Amino acid sequence: MAQVLEQLGAGERAATGIVEGLLEDWGWADARLKTGRWDFTDVKELVLWCNGPTSGQSPRAIRGLLEAGYPGEKLKYYRGGMQMWQLWGLTTIVPQSGS
């Protein structure tokens, strides 16, 4: 999980001093995107989608990211997957062979 979070832009957080920790606890220092272990300040915005409306892979991935502290406002989710996307007649592009 650590490797995935780092690839998404999270950084392991250096040890905080007593003063910094207290300022964060009291809300005087911005710690919204930080946990005890991770700094999510520069993470990427992610778009997750399932294979279809009954797939549970994306919800599991989202739960795991949230449990690790990934900010929910950086996660976008499309439940319908490609099945619903195509059913609604939305645009898709099929790559040419060799691309």
PDB file of N, CA and C in Angstrom:
ATOM      1  N   MET A   1       0.827  -1.187   0.000  1.00  0.00           N
ATOM      2  CA  MET A   1       0.000   0.000   0.000  1.00  0.00           C
ATOM      3  C   MET A   1       0.870   1.250   0.000  1.00  0.00           C
ATOM      4  N   ALA A   2       1.979   1.212   0.720  1.00  0.00           N
ATOM      5  CA  ALA A   2       2.860   2.379   0.780  1.00  0.00           C
ATOM      6  C   ALA A   2       3.365   2.762  -0.605  1.00  0.00           C
ATOM      7  N   GLN A   3       3.727   1.772  -1.395  1.00  0.00           N
ATOM      8  CA  GLN A   3       4.236   2.038  -2.750  1.00  0.00           C
ATOM      9  C   GLN A   3       3.141   2.670  -3.614  1.00  0.00           C
ATOM     10  N   VAL A   4       1.923   2.187  -3.499  1.00  0.00           N
ATOM     11  CA  VAL A   4       0.804   2.746  -4.273  1.00  0.00           C
ATOM     12  C   VAL A   4       0.555   4.188  -3.863  1.00  0.00           C
ATOM     13  N   LEU A   5       0.510   4.454  -2.566  1.00  0.00           N
ATOM     14  CA  LEU A   5       0.271   5.814  -2.098  1.00  0.00           C
ATOM     15  C   LEU A   5       1.365   6.768  -2.576  1.00  0.00           C
ATOM     16  N   GLU A   6       2.601   6.309  -2.565  1.00  0.00           N
ATOM     17  CA  GLU A   6       3.696   7.152  -3.041  1.00  0.00           C
ATOM     18  C   GLU A   6       3.568   7.433  -4.529  1.00  0.00           C
ATOM     19  N   GLN A   7       3.144   6.443  -5.329  1.00  0.00           N
ATOM     20  CA  GLN A   7       2.954   6.653  -6.756  1.00  0.00           C
ATOM     21  C   GLN A   7       1.810   7.632  -7.030  1.00  0.00           C
ATOM     22  N   LEU A   8       0.875   7.730  -6.113  1.00  0.00           N
ATOM     23  CA  LEU A   8      -0.250   8.642  -6.267  1.00  0.00           C
ATOM     24  C   LEU A   8       0.055  10.035  -5.727  1.00  0.00           C
ATOM     25  N   GLY A   9       1.252  10.235  -5.210  1.00  0.00           N
ATOM     26  CA  GLY A   9       1.662  11.566  -4.777  1.00  0.00           C
ATOM     27  C   GLY A   9       1.716  11.780  -3.280  1.00  0.00           C
ATOM     28  N   ALA A  10       1.366  10.776  -2.496  1.00  0.00           N
ATOM     29  CA  ALA A  10       1.458  10.905  -1.041  1.00  0.00           C
ATOM     30  C   ALA A  10       2.914  10.755  -0.627  1.00  0.00           C
ATOM     31  N   GLY A  11       3.254  11.386   0.457  1.00  0.00           N
ATOM     32  CA  GLY A  11       4.608  11.262   0.976  1.00  0.00           C
ATOM     33  C   GLY A  11       4.566  10.820   2.422  1.00  0.00           C
ATOM     34  N   GLU A  12       5.537   9.992   2.784  1.00  0.00           N
ATOM     35  CA  GLU A  12       5.603   9.615   4.191  1.00  0.00           C
ATOM     36  C   GLU A  12       5.899  10.869   4.988  1.00  0.00           C
ATOM     37  N   ARG A  13       5.205  11.018   6.061  1.00  0.00           N
ATOM     38  CA  ARG A  13       5.311  12.227   6.854  1.00  0.00           C
ATOM     39  C   ARG A  13       6.463  12.104   7.845  1.00  0.00           C
ATOM     40  N   ALA A  14       7.244  13.158   7.891  1.00  0.00           N
ATOM     41  CA  ALA A  14       8.328  13.187   8.869  1.00  0.00           C
ATOM     42  C   ALA A  14       7.725  13.307  10.260  1.00  0.00           C
ATOM     43  N   ALA A  15       8.473  12.891  11.234  1.00  0.00           N
ATOM     44  CA  ALA A  15       7.992  12.992  12.614  1.00  0.00           C
ATOM     45  C   ALA A  15       7.675  14.448  12.942  1.00  0.00           C
ATOM     46  N   THR A  16       6.536  14.656  13.588  1.00  0.00           N
ATOM     47  CA  THR A  16       6.160  16.014  13.968  1.00  0.00           C
ATOM     48  C   THR A  16       6.631  16.282  15.388  1.00  0.00           C
ATOM     49  N   GLY A  17       6.991  17.516  15.596  1.00  0.00           N
ATOM     50  CA  GLY A  17       7.390  17.919  16.936  1.00  0.00           C
ATOM     51  C   GLY A  17       6.167  18.143  17.809  1.00  0.00           C
ATOM     52  N   ILE A  18       6.385  18.329  19.070  1.00  0.00           N
ATOM     53  CA  ILE A  18       5.291  18.521  20.020  1.00  0.00           C
ATOM     54  C   ILE A  18       4.470  19.752  19.664  1.00  0.00           C
ATOM     55  N   VAL A  19       5.144  20.835  19.352  1.00  0.00           N
ATOM     56  CA  VAL A  19       4.439  22.087  19.048  1.00  0.00           C
ATOM     57  C   VAL A  19       3.595  21.941  17.790  1.00  0.00           C
ATOM     58  N   GLU A  20       4.194  21.377  16.720  1.00  0.00           N
ATOM     59  CA  GLU A  20       3.451  21.189  15.472  1.00  0.00           C
ATOM     60  C   GLU A  20       2.245  20.285  15.690  1.00  0.00           C
ATOM     61  N   GLY A  21       2.435  19.218  16.441  1.00  0.00           N
ATOM     62  CA  GLY A  21       1.331  18.305  16.731  1.00  0.00           C
ATOM     63  C   GLY A  21       0.201  18.999  17.480  1.00  0.00           C
ATOM     64  N   LEU A  22       0.535  19.792  18.462  1.00  0.00           N
ATOM     65  CA  LEU A  22      -0.492  20.524  19.213  1.00  0.00           C
ATOM     66  C   LEU A  22      -1.212  21.537  18.339  1.00  0.00           C
ATOM     67  N   LEU A  23      -0.466  22.274  17.503  1.00  0.00           N
ATOM     68  CA  LEU A  23      -1.097  23.249  16.618  1.00  0.00           C
ATOM     69  C   LEU A  23      -2.079  22.569  15.659  1.00  0.00           C
ATOM     70  N   GLU A  24      -1.707  21.395  15.156  1.00  0.00           N
ATOM     71  CA  GLU A  24      -2.611  20.645  14.282  1.00  0.00           C
ATOM     72  C   GLU A  24      -3.826  20.154  15.060  1.00  0.00           C
ATOM     73  N   ASP A  25      -3.606  19.627  16.253  1.00  0.00           N
ATOM     74  CA  ASP A  25      -4.716  19.130  17.069  1.00  0.00           C
ATOM     75  C   ASP A  25      -5.709  20.242  17.398  1.00  0.00           C
ATOM     76  N   TRP A  26      -5.202  21.430  17.638  1.00  0.00           N
ATOM     77  CA  TRP A  26      -6.064  22.561  17.999  1.00  0.00           C
ATOM     78  C   TRP A  26      -6.665  23.248  16.782  1.00  0.00           C
ATOM     79  N   GLY A  27      -6.268  22.815  15.567  1.00  0.00           N
ATOM     80  CA  GLY A  27      -6.807  23.415  14.359  1.00  0.00           C
ATOM     81  C   GLY A  27      -6.120  24.705  13.955  1.00  0.00           C
ATOM     82  N   TRP A  28      -4.993  25.019  14.545  1.00  0.00           N
ATOM     83  CA  TRP A  28      -4.274  26.248  14.217  1.00  0.00           C
ATOM     84  C   TRP A  28      -3.284  26.039  13.077  1.00  0.00           C
ATOM     85  N   ALA A  29      -3.006  24.816  12.749  1.00  0.00           N
ATOM     86  CA  ALA A  29      -2.150  24.482  11.604  1.00  0.00           C
ATOM     87  C   ALA A  29      -2.966  23.553  10.712  1.00  0.00           C
ATOM     88  N   ASP A  30      -2.862  23.756   9.418  1.00  0.00           N
ATOM     89  CA  ASP A  30      -3.651  22.964   8.475  1.00  0.00           C
ATOM     90  C   ASP A  30      -3.128  21.533   8.411  1.00  0.00           C
ATOM     91  N   ALA A  31      -3.928  20.616   8.909  1.00  0.00           N
ATOM     92  CA  ALA A  31      -3.546  19.202   8.867  1.00  0.00           C
ATOM     93  C   ALA A  31      -4.631  18.378   8.187  1.00  0.00           C
ATOM     94  N   ARG A  32      -5.502  19.039   7.409  1.00  0.00           N
ATOM     95  CA  ARG A  32      -6.606  18.322   6.765  1.00  0.00           C
ATOM     96  C   ARG A  32      -6.128  17.162   5.898  1.00  0.00           C
ATOM     97  N   LEU A  33      -5.021  17.354   5.209  1.00  0.00           N
ATOM     98  CA  LEU A  33      -4.554  16.340   4.279  1.00  0.00           C
ATOM     99  C   LEU A  33      -3.368  15.558   4.821  1.00  0.00           C
ATOM    100  N   LYS A  34      -3.300  15.455   6.149  1.00  0.00           N
ATOM    101  CA  LYS A  34      -2.191  14.732   6.770  1.00  0.00           C
ATOM    102  C   LYS A  34      -2.724  13.757   7.805  1.00  0.00           C
ATOM    103  N   THR A  35      -2.061  12.624   7.877  1.00  0.00           N
ATOM    104  CA  THR A  35      -2.356  11.662   8.929  1.00  0.00           C
ATOM    105  C   THR A  35      -1.084  11.532   9.759  1.00  0.00           C
ATOM    106  N   GLY A  36      -1.098  10.668  10.716  1.00  0.00           N
ATOM    107  CA  GLY A  36       0.098  10.449  11.502  1.00  0.00           C
ATOM    108  C   GLY A  36       1.255   9.937  10.670  1.00  0.00           C
ATOM    109  N   ARG A  37       0.959   9.246   9.569  1.00  0.00           N
ATOM    110  CA  ARG A  37       2.021   8.654   8.762  1.00  0.00           C
ATOM    111  C   ARG A  37       2.177   9.300   7.390  1.00  0.00           C
ATOM    112  N   TRP A  38       1.086   9.828   6.805  1.00  0.00           N
ATOM    113  CA  TRP A  38       1.108  10.279   5.411  1.00  0.00           C
ATOM    114  C   TRP A  38       0.748  11.744   5.263  1.00  0.00           C
ATOM    115  N   ASP A  39       1.366  12.371   4.259  1.00  0.00           N
ATOM    116  CA  ASP A  39       1.019  13.722   3.848  1.00  0.00           C
ATOM    117  C   ASP A  39       0.379  13.607   2.465  1.00  0.00           C
ATOM    118  N   PHE A  40      -0.915  13.923   2.385  1.00  0.00           N
ATOM    119  CA  PHE A  40      -1.678  13.791   1.146  1.00  0.00           C
ATOM    120  C   PHE A  40      -1.841  15.133   0.429  1.00  0.00           C
ATOM    121  N   THR A  41      -1.036  16.118   0.775  1.00  0.00           N
ATOM    122  CA  THR A  41      -1.171  17.450   0.214  1.00  0.00           C
ATOM    123  C   THR A  41      -1.077  17.456  -1.305  1.00  0.00           C
ATOM    124  N   ASP A  42      -0.188  16.670  -1.878  1.00  0.00           N
ATOM    125  CA  ASP A  42       0.050  16.703  -3.324  1.00  0.00           C
ATOM    126  C   ASP A  42      -0.458  15.471  -4.067  1.00  0.00           C
ATOM    127  N   VAL A  43      -1.437  14.761  -3.504  1.00  0.00           N
ATOM    128  CA  VAL A  43      -1.914  13.545  -4.175  1.00  0.00           C
ATOM    129  C   VAL A  43      -2.725  13.892  -5.420  1.00  0.00           C
ATOM    130  N   LYS A  44      -2.789  12.928  -6.304  1.00  0.00           N
ATOM    131  CA  LYS A  44      -3.526  13.083  -7.552  1.00  0.00           C
ATOM    132  C   LYS A  44      -5.020  12.910  -7.311  1.00  0.00           C
ATOM    133  N   GLU A  45      -5.802  13.557  -8.156  1.00  0.00           N
ATOM    134  CA  GLU A  45      -7.241  13.318  -8.159  1.00  0.00           C
ATOM    135  C   GLU A  45      -7.460  12.042  -8.971  1.00  0.00           C
ATOM    136  N   LEU A  46      -8.234  11.119  -8.420  1.00  0.00           N
ATOM    137  CA  LEU A  46      -8.438   9.819  -9.065  1.00  0.00           C
ATOM    138  C   LEU A  46      -9.872   9.669  -9.541  1.00  0.00           C
ATOM    139  N   VAL A  47     -10.035   9.026 -10.678  1.00  0.00           N
ATOM    140  CA  VAL A  47     -11.347   8.638 -11.170  1.00  0.00           C
ATOM    141  C   VAL A  47     -11.357   7.120 -11.198  1.00  0.00           C
ATOM    142  N   LEU A  48     -12.285   6.532 -10.458  1.00  0.00           N
ATOM    143  CA  LEU A  48     -12.394   5.079 -10.404  1.00  0.00           C
ATOM    144  C   LEU A  48     -13.724   4.673 -11.010  1.00  0.00           C
ATOM    145  N   TRP A  49     -13.729   3.576 -11.732  1.00  0.00           N
ATOM    146  CA  TRP A  49     -14.968   3.060 -12.266  1.00  0.00           C
ATOM    147  C   TRP A  49     -14.919   1.549 -12.251  1.00  0.00           C
ATOM    148  N   CYS A  50     -16.094   0.978 -12.148  1.00  0.00           N
ATOM    149  CA  CYS A  50     -16.201  -0.479 -12.078  1.00  0.00           C
ATOM    150  C   CYS A  50     -16.364  -1.067 -13.468  1.00  0.00           C
ATOM    151  N   ASN A  51     -16.276  -2.366 -13.530  1.00  0.00           N
ATOM    152  CA  ASN A  51     -16.542  -3.084 -14.763  1.00  0.00           C
ATOM    153  C   ASN A  51     -18.020  -3.006 -15.113  1.00  0.00           C
ATOM    154  N   GLY A  52     -18.861  -2.897 -14.130  1.00  0.00           N
ATOM    155  CA  GLY A  52     -20.301  -2.798 -14.334  1.00  0.00           C
ATOM    156  C   GLY A  52     -20.975  -2.504 -13.013  1.00  0.00           C
ATOM    157  N   PRO A  53     -22.286  -2.311 -13.032  1.00  0.00           N
ATOM    158  CA  PRO A  53     -22.989  -1.907 -11.815  1.00  0.00           C
ATOM    159  C   PRO A  53     -22.931  -2.916 -10.674  1.00  0.00           C
ATOM    160  N   THR A  54     -22.638  -4.159 -10.966  1.00  0.00           N
ATOM    161  CA  THR A  54     -22.593  -5.156  -9.901  1.00  0.00           C
ATOM    162  C   THR A  54     -21.172  -5.458  -9.423  1.00  0.00           C
ATOM    163  N   SER A  55     -20.176  -4.824 -10.028  1.00  0.00           N
ATOM    164  CA  SER A  55     -18.785  -5.062  -9.646  1.00  0.00           C
ATOM    165  C   SER A  55     -18.476  -4.381  -8.318  1.00  0.00           C
ATOM    166  N   GLY A  56     -17.704  -5.041  -7.486  1.00  0.00           N
ATOM    167  CA  GLY A  56     -17.360  -4.477  -6.197  1.00  0.00           C
ATOM    168  C   GLY A  56     -15.905  -4.055  -6.076  1.00  0.00           C
ATOM    169  N   GLN A  57     -15.154  -4.105  -7.177  1.00  0.00           N
ATOM    170  CA  GLN A  57     -13.727  -3.814  -7.095  1.00  0.00           C
ATOM    171  C   GLN A  57     -13.447  -2.353  -6.751  1.00  0.00           C
ATOM    172  N   SER A  58     -14.095  -1.428  -7.428  1.00  0.00           N
ATOM    173  CA  SER A  58     -13.842  -0.011  -7.150  1.00  0.00           C
ATOM    174  C   SER A  58     -14.262   0.375  -5.737  1.00  0.00           C
ATOM    175  N   PRO A  59     -15.443  -0.048  -5.252  1.00  0.00           N
ATOM    176  CA  PRO A  59     -15.787   0.292  -3.873  1.00  0.00           C
ATOM    177  C   PRO A  59     -14.772  -0.233  -2.859  1.00  0.00           C
ATOM    178  N   ARG A  60     -14.225  -1.422  -3.099  1.00  0.00           N
ATOM    179  CA  ARG A  60     -13.192  -1.954  -2.201  1.00  0.00           C
ATOM    180  C   ARG A  60     -11.938  -1.091  -2.257  1.00  0.00           C
ATOM    181  N   ALA A  61     -11.537  -0.698  -3.459  1.00  0.00           N
ATOM    182  CA  ALA A  61     -10.352   0.153  -3.609  1.00  0.00           C
ATOM    183  C   ALA A  61     -10.569   1.497  -2.923  1.00  0.00           C
ATOM    184  N   ILE A  62     -11.749   2.064  -3.089  1.00  0.00           N
ATOM    185  CA  ILE A  62     -12.060   3.357  -2.475  1.00  0.00           C
ATOM    186  C   ILE A  62     -12.025   3.245  -0.960  1.00  0.00           C
ATOM    187  N   ARG A  63     -12.628   2.197  -0.416  1.00  0.00           N
ATOM    188  CA  ARG A  63     -12.596   1.997   1.045  1.00  0.00           C
ATOM    189  C   ARG A  63     -11.168   1.898   1.555  1.00  0.00           C
ATOM    190  N   GLY A  64     -10.325   1.155   0.834  1.00  0.00           N
ATOM    191  CA  GLY A  64      -8.934   1.016   1.240  1.00  0.00           C
ATOM    192  C   GLY A  64      -8.192   2.346   1.223  1.00  0.00           C
ATOM    193  N   LEU A  65      -8.416   3.135   0.180  1.00  0.00           N
ATOM    194  CA  LEU A  65      -7.765   4.450   0.092  1.00  0.00           C
ATOM    195  C   LEU A  65      -8.234   5.362   1.218  1.00  0.00           C
ATOM    196  N   LEU A  66      -9.542   5.369   1.476  1.00  0.00           N
ATOM    197  CA  LEU A  66     -10.069   6.215   2.552  1.00  0.00           C
ATOM    198  C   LEU A  66      -9.544   5.782   3.918  1.00  0.00           C
ATOM    199  N   GLU A  67      -9.458   4.475   4.140  1.00  0.00           N
ATOM    200  CA  GLU A  67      -8.934   3.973   5.415  1.00  0.00           C
ATOM    201  C   GLU A  67      -7.470   4.373   5.609  1.00  0.00           C
ATOM    202  N   ALA A  68      -6.726   4.490   4.500  1.00  0.00           N
ATOM    203  CA  ALA A  68      -5.324   4.911   4.589  1.00  0.00           C
ATOM    204  C   ALA A  68      -5.209   6.414   4.802  1.00  0.00           C
ATOM    205  N   GLY A  69      -6.333   7.139   4.644  1.00  0.00           N
ATOM    206  CA  GLY A  69      -6.320   8.581   4.851  1.00  0.00           C
ATOM    207  C   GLY A  69      -6.409   9.396   3.583  1.00  0.00           C
ATOM    208  N   TYR A  70      -6.526   8.735   2.420  1.00  0.00           N
ATOM    209  CA  TYR A  70      -6.628   9.452   1.152  1.00  0.00           C
ATOM    210  C   TYR A  70      -7.838  10.377   1.214  1.00  0.00           C
ATOM    211  N   PRO A  71      -7.678  11.639   0.815  1.00  0.00           N
ATOM    212  CA  PRO A  71      -8.795  12.582   0.933  1.00  0.00           C
ATOM    213  C   PRO A  71      -9.946  12.241  -0.015  1.00  0.00           C
ATOM    214  N   GLY A  72     -11.141  12.131   0.554  1.00  0.00           N
ATOM    215  CA  GLY A  72     -12.318  11.778  -0.231  1.00  0.00           C
ATOM    216  C   GLY A  72     -12.610  12.758  -1.348  1.00  0.00           C
ATOM    217  N   GLU A  73     -12.266  14.034  -1.157  1.00  0.00           N
ATOM    218  CA  GLU A  73     -12.541  15.026  -2.195  1.00  0.00           C
ATOM    219  C   GLU A  73     -11.646  14.842  -3.421  1.00  0.00           C
ATOM    220  N   LYS A  74     -10.637  13.983  -3.316  1.00  0.00           N
ATOM    221  CA  LYS A  74      -9.755  13.694  -4.450  1.00  0.00           C
ATOM    222  C   LYS A  74     -10.179  12.418  -5.190  1.00  0.00           C
ATOM    223  N   LEU A  75     -11.302  11.827  -4.780  1.00  0.00           N
ATOM    224  CA  LEU A  75     -11.780  10.589  -5.402  1.00  0.00           C
ATOM    225  C   LEU A  75     -13.092  10.847  -6.126  1.00  0.00           C
ATOM    226  N   LYS A  76     -13.146  10.433  -7.379  1.00  0.00           N
ATOM    227  CA  LYS A  76     -14.374  10.491  -8.181  1.00  0.00           C
ATOM    228  C   LYS A  76     -14.709   9.057  -8.568  1.00  0.00           C
ATOM    229  N   TYR A  77     -16.002   8.744  -8.620  1.00  0.00           N
ATOM    230  CA  TYR A  77     -16.412   7.358  -8.818  1.00  0.00           C
ATOM    231  C   TYR A  77     -17.568   7.269  -9.798  1.00  0.00           C
ATOM    232  N   TYR A  78     -17.421   6.405 -10.798  1.00  0.00           N
ATOM    233  CA  TYR A  78     -18.503   6.111 -11.744  1.00  0.00           C
ATOM    234  C   TYR A  78     -18.861   4.645 -11.606  1.00  0.00           C
ATOM    235  N   ARG A  79     -20.001   4.381 -11.024  1.00  0.00           N
ATOM    236  CA  ARG A  79     -20.405   3.013 -10.694  1.00  0.00           C
ATOM    237  C   ARG A  79     -20.792   2.167 -11.909  1.00  0.00           C
ATOM    238  N   GLY A  80     -21.345   2.775 -12.931  1.00  0.00           N
ATOM    239  CA  GLY A  80     -21.911   2.000 -14.035  1.00  0.00           C
ATOM    240  C   GLY A  80     -20.914   1.227 -14.863  1.00  0.00           C
ATOM    241  N   GLY A  81     -19.680   1.667 -14.903  1.00  0.00           N
ATOM    242  CA  GLY A  81     -18.665   0.992 -15.695  1.00  0.00           C
ATOM    243  C   GLY A  81     -18.925   1.102 -17.184  1.00  0.00           C
ATOM    244  N   MET A  82     -18.102   0.422 -17.951  1.00  0.00           N
ATOM    245  CA  MET A  82     -18.216   0.484 -19.412  1.00  0.00           C
ATOM    246  C   MET A  82     -19.548  -0.073 -19.908  1.00  0.00           C
ATOM    247  N   GLN A  83     -20.098  -1.031 -19.187  1.00  0.00           N
ATOM    248  CA  GLN A  83     -21.381  -1.592 -19.623  1.00  0.00           C
ATOM    249  C   GLN A  83     -22.455  -0.512 -19.699  1.00  0.00           C
ATOM    250  N   MET A  84     -22.605   0.261 -18.642  1.00  0.00           N
ATOM    251  CA  MET A  84     -23.619   1.316 -18.616  1.00  0.00           C
ATOM    252  C   MET A  84     -23.225   2.481 -19.531  1.00  0.00           C
ATOM    253  N   TRP A  85     -21.933   2.778 -19.598  1.00  0.00           N
ATOM    254  CA  TRP A  85     -21.447   3.858 -20.453  1.00  0.00           C
ATOM    255  C   TRP A  85     -21.886   3.599 -21.898  1.00  0.00           C
ATOM    256  N   GLN A  86     -21.651   2.383 -22.367  1.00  0.00           N
ATOM    257  CA  GLN A  86     -22.013   2.040 -23.736  1.00  0.00           C
ATOM    258  C   GLN A  86     -23.528   1.904 -23.898  1.00  0.00           C
ATOM    259  N   LEU A  87     -24.213   1.395 -22.887  1.00  0.00           N
ATOM    260  CA  LEU A  87     -25.668   1.287 -22.944  1.00  0.00           C
ATOM    261  C   LEU A  87     -26.308   2.658 -23.148  1.00  0.00           C
ATOM    262  N   TRP A  88     -25.755   3.673 -22.504  1.00  0.00           N
ATOM    263  CA  TRP A  88     -26.275   5.040 -22.635  1.00  0.00           C
ATOM    264  C   TRP A  88     -25.823   5.704 -23.931  1.00  0.00           C
ATOM    265  N   GLY A  89     -24.995   5.008 -24.706  1.00  0.00           N
ATOM    266  CA  GLY A  89     -24.542   5.548 -25.994  1.00  0.00           C
ATOM    267  C   GLY A  89     -23.489   6.637 -25.858  1.00  0.00           C
ATOM    268  N   LEU A  90     -22.762   6.627 -24.761  1.00  0.00           N
ATOM    269  CA  LEU A  90     -21.724   7.639 -24.552  1.00  0.00           C
ATOM    270  C   LEU A  90     -20.483   7.298 -25.382  1.00  0.00           C
ATOM    271  N   THR A  91     -19.686   8.282 -25.644  1.00  0.00           N
ATOM    272  CA  THR A  91     -18.543   8.152 -26.544  1.00  0.00           C
ATOM    273  C   THR A  91     -17.469   7.216 -25.988  1.00  0.00           C
ATOM    274  N   THR A  92     -16.991   6.348 -26.862  1.00  0.00           N
ATOM    275  CA  THR A  92     -15.837   5.514 -26.562  1.00  0.00           C
ATOM    276  C   THR A  92     -14.899   5.572 -27.765  1.00  0.00           C
ATOM    277  N   ILE A  93     -13.639   5.362 -27.522  1.00  0.00           N
ATOM    278  CA  ILE A  93     -12.645   5.345 -28.584  1.00  0.00           C
ATOM    279  C   ILE A  93     -11.909   4.022 -28.494  1.00  0.00           C
ATOM    280  N   VAL A  94     -11.899   3.298 -29.591  1.00  0.00           N
ATOM    281  CA  VAL A  94     -11.187   2.030 -29.654  1.00  0.00           C
ATOM    282  C   VAL A  94      -9.808   2.315 -30.238  1.00  0.00           C
ATOM    283  N   PRO A  95      -8.740   1.991 -29.506  1.00  0.00           N
ATOM    284  CA  PRO A  95      -7.399   2.260 -30.034  1.00  0.00           C
ATOM    285  C   PRO A  95      -7.127   1.447 -31.292  1.00  0.00           C
ATOM    286  N   GLN A  96      -6.366   2.032 -32.189  1.00  0.00           N
ATOM    287  CA  GLN A  96      -5.971   1.312 -33.382  1.00  0.00           C
ATOM    288  C   GLN A  96      -4.880   0.315 -33.005  1.00  0.00           C
ATOM    289  N   SER A  97      -4.817  -0.776 -33.705  1.00  0.00           N
ATOM    290  CA  SER A  97      -3.791  -1.780 -33.393  1.00  0.00           C
ATOM    291  C   SER A  97      -2.407  -1.176 -33.613  1.00  0.00           C
ATOM    292  N   GLY A  98      -1.507  -1.516 -32.709  1.00  0.00           N
ATOM    293  CA  GLY A  98      -0.145  -0.995 -32.785  1.00  0.00           C
ATOM    294  C   GLY A  98       0.017   0.328 -32.054  1.00  0.00           C
ATOM    295  N   SER A  99      -1.050   0.856 -31.458  1.00  0.00           N
ATOM    296  CA  SER A  99      -0.957   2.139 -30.742  1.00  0.00           C
ATOM    297  C   SER A  99      -0.667   1.910 -29.289  1.00  0.00           C
TER     298      SER A  99
END
